[in-house]
Amino acid sequence: MRDPILYTVYRPSKEFPRSFVVRRWRIKGPDPVLIDKGLPLIIAPTAEDARKAIPPGRVRIERDESDDPAVLESWI
């Protein structure tokens, strides 16, 4: 069985001040591992456009207080 993939949507930040981005994380044990080490999966002008890169059938996870402030939401 393959490790699950988590898709995290980020708000505009210092790295991408005018864009929303999606980065993929592989869930391996207690600490997820970033898959997109270079550019993110997608760089988009809106959160709605960024979400289009997330495969259908995923479930939205609300941002946790301990998440980076740039995190908007995650999908698993």
PDB file of N, CA and C in Angstrom:
ATOM      1  N   MET A   1       0.829  -1.187   0.000  1.00  0.00           N
ATOM      2  CA  MET A   1       0.000   0.000   0.000  1.00  0.00           C
ATOM      3  C   MET A   1       0.875   1.254   0.000  1.00  0.00           C
ATOM      4  N   ARG A   2       0.516   2.211  -0.817  1.00  0.00           N
ATOM      5  CA  ARG A   2       1.288   3.448  -0.912  1.00  0.00           C
ATOM      6  C   ARG A   2       0.948   4.382   0.248  1.00  0.00           C
ATOM      7  N   ASP A   3       1.915   5.220   0.602  1.00  0.00           N
ATOM      8  CA  ASP A   3       1.684   6.206   1.656  1.00  0.00           C
ATOM      9  C   ASP A   3       0.703   7.258   1.152  1.00  0.00           C
ATOM     10  N   PRO A   4      -0.224   7.716   1.996  1.00  0.00           N
ATOM     11  CA  PRO A   4      -1.187   8.734   1.568  1.00  0.00           C
ATOM     12  C   PRO A   4      -0.495  10.062   1.248  1.00  0.00           C
ATOM     13  N   ILE A   5      -1.126  10.819   0.357  1.00  0.00           N
ATOM     14  CA  ILE A   5      -0.619  12.136  -0.023  1.00  0.00           C
ATOM     15  C   ILE A   5      -1.545  13.199   0.561  1.00  0.00           C
ATOM     16  N   LEU A   6      -0.955  14.204   1.168  1.00  0.00           N
ATOM     17  CA  LEU A   6      -1.670  15.350   1.717  1.00  0.00           C
ATOM     18  C   LEU A   6      -1.389  16.545   0.807  1.00  0.00           C
ATOM     19  N   TYR A   7      -2.427  17.248   0.388  1.00  0.00           N
ATOM     20  CA  TYR A   7      -2.295  18.439  -0.449  1.00  0.00           C
ATOM     21  C   TYR A   7      -2.582  19.645   0.430  1.00  0.00           C
ATOM     22  N   THR A   8      -1.621  20.555   0.555  1.00  0.00           N
ATOM     23  CA  THR A   8      -1.798  21.733   1.401  1.00  0.00           C
ATOM     24  C   THR A   8      -1.866  22.977   0.532  1.00  0.00           C
ATOM     25  N   VAL A   9      -2.928  23.768   0.754  1.00  0.00           N
ATOM     26  CA  VAL A   9      -3.118  25.036   0.038  1.00  0.00           C
ATOM     27  C   VAL A   9      -2.574  26.140   0.935  1.00  0.00           C
ATOM     28  N   TYR A  10      -1.701  26.976   0.367  1.00  0.00           N
ATOM     29  CA  TYR A  10      -1.094  28.081   1.101  1.00  0.00           C
ATOM     30  C   TYR A  10      -1.602  29.415   0.568  1.00  0.00           C
ATOM     31  N   ARG A  11      -1.849  30.347   1.478  1.00  0.00           N
ATOM     32  CA  ARG A  11      -2.214  31.723   1.128  1.00  0.00           C
ATOM     33  C   ARG A  11      -0.991  32.423   0.542  1.00  0.00           C
ATOM     34  N   PRO A  12      -1.200  33.595  -0.074  1.00  0.00           N
ATOM     35  CA  PRO A  12      -0.034  34.385  -0.490  1.00  0.00           C
ATOM     36  C   PRO A  12       0.892  34.607   0.714  1.00  0.00           C
ATOM     37  N   SER A  13       2.174  34.478   0.458  1.00  0.00           N
ATOM     38  CA  SER A  13       3.173  34.582   1.531  1.00  0.00           C
ATOM     39  C   SER A  13       4.401  35.314   1.005  1.00  0.00           C
ATOM     40  N   LYS A  14       5.419  35.378   1.814  1.00  0.00           N
ATOM     41  CA  LYS A  14       6.667  36.037   1.410  1.00  0.00           C
ATOM     42  C   LYS A  14       7.248  35.394   0.144  1.00  0.00           C
ATOM     43  N   GLU A  15       7.165  34.071   0.061  1.00  0.00           N
ATOM     44  CA  GLU A  15       7.716  33.337  -1.080  1.00  0.00           C
ATOM     45  C   GLU A  15       6.913  33.598  -2.363  1.00  0.00           C
ATOM     46  N   PHE A  16       5.583  33.620  -2.252  1.00  0.00           N
ATOM     47  CA  PHE A  16       4.684  33.856  -3.388  1.00  0.00           C
ATOM     48  C   PHE A  16       3.656  34.910  -2.959  1.00  0.00           C
ATOM     49  N   PRO A  17       4.037  36.192  -2.969  1.00  0.00           N
ATOM     50  CA  PRO A  17       3.190  37.241  -2.381  1.00  0.00           C
ATOM     51  C   PRO A  17       1.857  37.502  -3.082  1.00  0.00           C
ATOM     52  N   ARG A  18       1.712  37.091  -4.317  1.00  0.00           N
ATOM     53  CA  ARG A  18       0.463  37.351  -5.045  1.00  0.00           C
ATOM     54  C   ARG A  18      -0.242  36.078  -5.494  1.00  0.00           C
ATOM     55  N   SER A  19       0.169  34.949  -4.922  1.00  0.00           N
ATOM     56  CA  SER A  19      -0.359  33.674  -5.423  1.00  0.00           C
ATOM     57  C   SER A  19      -0.698  32.716  -4.288  1.00  0.00           C
ATOM     58  N   PHE A  20      -1.626  31.819  -4.584  1.00  0.00           N
ATOM     59  CA  PHE A  20      -1.922  30.682  -3.731  1.00  0.00           C
ATOM     60  C   PHE A  20      -1.151  29.509  -4.323  1.00  0.00           C
ATOM     61  N   VAL A  21      -0.620  28.666  -3.466  1.00  0.00           N
ATOM     62  CA  VAL A  21       0.132  27.511  -3.968  1.00  0.00           C
ATOM     63  C   VAL A  21      -0.364  26.235  -3.295  1.00  0.00           C
ATOM     64  N   VAL A  22      -0.126  25.114  -3.970  1.00  0.00           N
ATOM     65  CA  VAL A  22      -0.420  23.798  -3.402  1.00  0.00           C
ATOM     66  C   VAL A  22       0.886  23.015  -3.372  1.00  0.00           C
ATOM     67  N   ARG A  23       1.173  22.476  -2.206  1.00  0.00           N
ATOM     68  CA  ARG A  23       2.336  21.596  -2.049  1.00  0.00           C
ATOM     69  C   ARG A  23       1.831  20.231  -1.605  1.00  0.00           C
ATOM     70  N   ARG A  24       2.532  19.197  -2.059  1.00  0.00           N
ATOM     71  CA  ARG A  24       2.166  17.821  -1.716  1.00  0.00           C
ATOM     72  C   ARG A  24       3.106  17.296  -0.636  1.00  0.00           C
ATOM     73  N   TRP A  25       2.503  16.571   0.302  1.00  0.00           N
ATOM     74  CA  TRP A  25       3.247  15.943   1.389  1.00  0.00           C
ATOM     75  C   TRP A  25       2.913  14.457   1.421  1.00  0.00           C
ATOM     76  N   ARG A  26       3.925  13.616   1.570  1.00  0.00           N
ATOM     77  CA  ARG A  26       3.706  12.177   1.725  1.00  0.00           C
ATOM     78  C   ARG A  26       3.619  11.905   3.228  1.00  0.00           C
ATOM     79  N   ILE A  27       2.542  11.244   3.633  1.00  0.00           N
ATOM     80  CA  ILE A  27       2.350  10.915   5.047  1.00  0.00           C
ATOM     81  C   ILE A  27       3.121   9.639   5.332  1.00  0.00           C
ATOM     82  N   LYS A  28       4.211   9.782   6.063  1.00  0.00           N
ATOM     83  CA  LYS A  28       5.081   8.650   6.411  1.00  0.00           C
ATOM     84  C   LYS A  28       5.361   8.740   7.899  1.00  0.00           C
ATOM     85  N   GLY A  29       4.666   7.979   8.676  1.00  0.00           N
ATOM     86  CA  GLY A  29       4.861   8.055  10.122  1.00  0.00           C
ATOM     87  C   GLY A  29       4.302   9.363  10.670  1.00  0.00           C
ATOM     88  N   PRO A  30       4.854   9.834  11.786  1.00  0.00           N
ATOM     89  CA  PRO A  30       4.301  11.025  12.429  1.00  0.00           C
ATOM     90  C   PRO A  30       4.640  12.337  11.709  1.00  0.00           C
ATOM     91  N   ASP A  31       5.674  12.334  10.868  1.00  0.00           N
ATOM     92  CA  ASP A  31       6.100  13.567  10.201  1.00  0.00           C
ATOM     93  C   ASP A  31       5.957  13.462   8.689  1.00  0.00           C
ATOM     94  N   PRO A  32       5.064  14.271   8.091  1.00  0.00           N
ATOM     95  CA  PRO A  32       4.931  14.264   6.622  1.00  0.00           C
ATOM     96  C   PRO A  32       6.231  14.691   5.945  1.00  0.00           C
ATOM     97  N   VAL A  33       6.460  14.182   4.745  1.00  0.00           N
ATOM     98  CA  VAL A  33       7.656  14.489   3.968  1.00  0.00           C
ATOM     99  C   VAL A  33       7.229  15.277   2.730  1.00  0.00           C
ATOM    100  N   LEU A  34       7.835  16.438   2.520  1.00  0.00           N
ATOM    101  CA  LEU A  34       7.505  17.275   1.370  1.00  0.00           C
ATOM    102  C   LEU A  34       7.909  16.584   0.078  1.00  0.00           C
ATOM    103  N   ILE A  35       6.979  16.452  -0.849  1.00  0.00           N
ATOM    104  CA  ILE A  35       7.259  15.840  -2.148  1.00  0.00           C
ATOM    105  C   ILE A  35       7.796  16.892  -3.111  1.00  0.00           C
ATOM    106  N   ASP A  36       7.178  18.074  -3.104  1.00  0.00           N
ATOM    107  CA  ASP A  36       7.556  19.155  -4.027  1.00  0.00           C
ATOM    108  C   ASP A  36       8.679  19.985  -3.413  1.00  0.00           C
ATOM    109  N   LYS A  37       9.907  19.515  -3.572  1.00  0.00           N
ATOM    110  CA  LYS A  37      11.050  20.192  -2.946  1.00  0.00           C
ATOM    111  C   LYS A  37      11.426  21.484  -3.666  1.00  0.00           C
ATOM    112  N   GLY A  38      11.115  21.597  -4.943  1.00  0.00           N
ATOM    113  CA  GLY A  38      11.395  22.820  -5.691  1.00  0.00           C
ATOM    114  C   GLY A  38      10.146  23.665  -5.754  1.00  0.00           C
ATOM    115  N   LEU A  39       9.641  23.846  -6.935  1.00  0.00           N
ATOM    116  CA  LEU A  39       8.404  24.604  -7.099  1.00  0.00           C
ATOM    117  C   LEU A  39       7.213  23.803  -6.598  1.00  0.00           C
ATOM    118  N   PRO A  40       6.174  24.497  -6.123  1.00  0.00           N
ATOM    119  CA  PRO A  40       4.976  23.776  -5.676  1.00  0.00           C
ATOM    120  C   PRO A  40       4.262  23.100  -6.841  1.00  0.00           C
ATOM    121  N   LEU A  41       3.284  22.265  -6.518  1.00  0.00           N
ATOM    122  CA  LEU A  41       2.488  21.574  -7.527  1.00  0.00           C
ATOM    123  C   LEU A  41       1.826  22.581  -8.458  1.00  0.00           C
ATOM    124  N   ILE A  42       1.282  23.670  -7.889  1.00  0.00           N
ATOM    125  CA  ILE A  42       0.640  24.703  -8.697  1.00  0.00           C
ATOM    126  C   ILE A  42       0.818  26.053  -8.021  1.00  0.00           C
ATOM    127  N   ILE A  43       0.924  27.087  -8.847  1.00  0.00           N
ATOM    128  CA  ILE A  43       0.940  28.476  -8.404  1.00  0.00           C
ATOM    129  C   ILE A  43      -0.252  29.117  -9.099  1.00  0.00           C
ATOM    130  N   ALA A  44      -1.200  29.659  -8.318  1.00  0.00           N
ATOM    131  CA  ALA A  44      -2.462  30.137  -8.892  1.00  0.00           C
ATOM    132  C   ALA A  44      -2.844  31.505  -8.312  1.00  0.00           C
ATOM    133  N   PRO A  45      -3.641  32.268  -9.062  1.00  0.00           N
ATOM    134  CA  PRO A  45      -4.033  33.602  -8.575  1.00  0.00           C
ATOM    135  C   PRO A  45      -5.087  33.578  -7.466  1.00  0.00           C
ATOM    136  N   THR A  46      -5.851  32.490  -7.362  1.00  0.00           N
ATOM    137  CA  THR A  46      -6.900  32.403  -6.335  1.00  0.00           C
ATOM    138  C   THR A  46      -6.854  31.033  -5.670  1.00  0.00           C
ATOM    139  N   ALA A  47      -7.467  30.958  -4.488  1.00  0.00           N
ATOM    140  CA  ALA A  47      -7.559  29.670  -3.794  1.00  0.00           C
ATOM    141  C   ALA A  47      -8.381  28.693  -4.621  1.00  0.00           C
ATOM    142  N   GLU A  48      -9.452  29.190  -5.231  1.00  0.00           N
ATOM    143  CA  GLU A  48     -10.305  28.332  -6.061  1.00  0.00           C
ATOM    144  C   GLU A  48      -9.507  27.716  -7.213  1.00  0.00           C
ATOM    145  N   ASP A  49      -8.668  28.518  -7.858  1.00  0.00           N
ATOM    146  CA  ASP A  49      -7.834  27.990  -8.946  1.00  0.00           C
ATOM    147  C   ASP A  49      -6.815  26.983  -8.418  1.00  0.00           C
ATOM    148  N   ALA A  50      -6.265  27.242  -7.250  1.00  0.00           N
ATOM    149  CA  ALA A  50      -5.285  26.320  -6.663  1.00  0.00           C
ATOM    150  C   ALA A  50      -5.934  24.970  -6.367  1.00  0.00           C
ATOM    151  N   ARG A  51      -7.160  25.000  -5.869  1.00  0.00           N
ATOM    152  CA  ARG A  51      -7.872  23.756  -5.522  1.00  0.00           C
ATOM    153  C   ARG A  51      -8.115  22.864  -6.735  1.00  0.00           C
ATOM    154  N   LYS A  52      -8.095  23.417  -7.932  1.00  0.00           N
ATOM    155  CA  LYS A  52      -8.313  22.622  -9.145  1.00  0.00           C
ATOM    156  C   LYS A  52      -7.207  21.593  -9.361  1.00  0.00           C
ATOM    157  N   ALA A  53      -6.056  21.786  -8.721  1.00  0.00           N
ATOM    158  CA  ALA A  53      -4.940  20.839  -8.856  1.00  0.00           C
ATOM    159  C   ALA A  53      -5.087  19.649  -7.921  1.00  0.00           C
ATOM    160  N   ILE A  54      -6.035  19.717  -6.991  1.00  0.00           N
ATOM    161  CA  ILE A  54      -6.225  18.641  -6.023  1.00  0.00           C
ATOM    162  C   ILE A  54      -7.125  17.571  -6.645  1.00  0.00           C
ATOM    163  N   PRO A  55      -6.686  16.326  -6.635  1.00  0.00           N
ATOM    164  CA  PRO A  55      -7.487  15.265  -7.251  1.00  0.00           C
ATOM    165  C   PRO A  55      -8.878  15.153  -6.616  1.00  0.00           C
ATOM    166  N   PRO A  56      -9.871  14.799  -7.411  1.00  0.00           N
ATOM    167  CA  PRO A  56     -11.227  14.629  -6.876  1.00  0.00           C
ATOM    168  C   PRO A  56     -11.284  13.536  -5.818  1.00  0.00           C
ATOM    169  N   GLY A  57     -12.264  13.648  -4.938  1.00  0.00           N
ATOM    170  CA  GLY A  57     -12.467  12.634  -3.912  1.00  0.00           C
ATOM    171  C   GLY A  57     -11.703  12.878  -2.629  1.00  0.00           C
ATOM    172  N   ARG A  58     -10.941  13.960  -2.560  1.00  0.00           N
ATOM    173  CA  ARG A  58     -10.188  14.277  -1.336  1.00  0.00           C
ATOM    174  C   ARG A  58     -11.108  14.955  -0.326  1.00  0.00           C
ATOM    175  N   VAL A  59     -10.732  14.868   0.943  1.00  0.00           N
ATOM    176  CA  VAL A  59     -11.510  15.453   2.030  1.00  0.00           C
ATOM    177  C   VAL A  59     -10.737  16.643   2.596  1.00  0.00           C
ATOM    178  N   ARG A  60     -11.447  17.762   2.782  1.00  0.00           N
ATOM    179  CA  ARG A  60     -10.821  18.992   3.282  1.00  0.00           C
ATOM    180  C   ARG A  60     -10.577  18.891   4.781  1.00  0.00           C
ATOM    181  N   ILE A  61      -9.396  19.359   5.205  1.00  0.00           N
ATOM    182  CA  ILE A  61      -9.031  19.418   6.608  1.00  0.00           C
ATOM    183  C   ILE A  61      -8.800  20.889   6.949  1.00  0.00           C
ATOM    184  N   GLU A  62      -9.495  21.384   7.960  1.00  0.00           N
ATOM    185  CA  GLU A  62      -9.324  22.778   8.388  1.00  0.00           C
ATOM    186  C   GLU A  62      -7.904  23.020   8.879  1.00  0.00           C
ATOM    187  N   ARG A  63      -7.472  24.242   8.779  1.00  0.00           N
ATOM    188  CA  ARG A  63      -6.173  24.656   9.282  1.00  0.00           C
ATOM    189  C   ARG A  63      -6.134  24.469  10.794  1.00  0.00           C
ATOM    190  N   ASP A  64      -5.034  23.945  11.293  1.00  0.00           N
ATOM    191  CA  ASP A  64      -4.838  23.763  12.723  1.00  0.00           C
ATOM    192  C   ASP A  64      -4.074  24.981  13.263  1.00  0.00           C
ATOM    193  N   GLU A  65      -4.315  25.323  14.517  1.00  0.00           N
ATOM    194  CA  GLU A  65      -3.620  26.469  15.126  1.00  0.00           C
ATOM    195  C   GLU A  65      -2.108  26.326  15.078  1.00  0.00           C
ATOM    196  N   SER A  66      -1.613  25.107  15.081  1.00  0.00           N
ATOM    197  CA  SER A  66      -0.160  24.885  15.073  1.00  0.00           C
ATOM    198  C   SER A  66       0.448  24.955  13.667  1.00  0.00           C
ATOM    199  N   ASP A  67      -0.397  25.046  12.628  1.00  0.00           N
ATOM    200  CA  ASP A  67       0.106  25.134  11.247  1.00  0.00           C
ATOM    201  C   ASP A  67       0.796  26.472  10.999  1.00  0.00           C
ATOM    202  N   ASP A  68       1.639  26.481   9.987  1.00  0.00           N
ATOM    203  CA  ASP A  68       2.256  27.720   9.528  1.00  0.00           C
ATOM    204  C   ASP A  68       1.135  28.710   9.211  1.00  0.00           C
ATOM    205  N   PRO A  69       1.287  29.996   9.516  1.00  0.00           N
ATOM    206  CA  PRO A  69       0.236  30.978   9.255  1.00  0.00           C
ATOM    207  C   PRO A  69      -0.183  31.058   7.784  1.00  0.00           C
ATOM    208  N   ALA A  70       0.678  30.667   6.871  1.00  0.00           N
ATOM    209  CA  ALA A  70       0.347  30.725   5.438  1.00  0.00           C
ATOM    210  C   ALA A  70      -0.580  29.586   5.009  1.00  0.00           C
ATOM    211  N   VAL A  71      -0.745  28.543   5.828  1.00  0.00           N
ATOM    212  CA  VAL A  71      -1.606  27.423   5.469  1.00  0.00           C
ATOM    213  C   VAL A  71      -3.073  27.857   5.486  1.00  0.00           C
ATOM    214  N   LEU A  72      -3.752  27.627   4.385  1.00  0.00           N
ATOM    215  CA  LEU A  72      -5.189  27.906   4.286  1.00  0.00           C
ATOM    216  C   LEU A  72      -5.983  26.664   4.684  1.00  0.00           C
ATOM    217  N   GLU A  73      -5.582  25.508   4.116  1.00  0.00           N
ATOM    218  CA  GLU A  73      -6.305  24.250   4.345  1.00  0.00           C
ATOM    219  C   GLU A  73      -5.472  23.112   3.783  1.00  0.00           C
ATOM    220  N   SER A  74      -5.866  21.899   4.127  1.00  0.00           N
ATOM    221  CA  SER A  74      -5.221  20.708   3.555  1.00  0.00           C
ATOM    222  C   SER A  74      -6.300  19.755   3.086  1.00  0.00           C
ATOM    223  N   TRP A  75      -5.913  18.851   2.194  1.00  0.00           N
ATOM    224  CA  TRP A  75      -6.828  17.855   1.622  1.00  0.00           C
ATOM    225  C   TRP A  75      -6.136  16.500   1.664  1.00  0.00           C
ATOM    226  N   ILE A  76      -6.876  15.483   2.072  1.00  0.00           N
ATOM    227  CA  ILE A  76      -6.310  14.132   2.118  1.00  0.00           C
ATOM    228  C   ILE A  76      -7.274  13.167   1.464  1.00  0.00           C
TER     229      ILE A  76
END
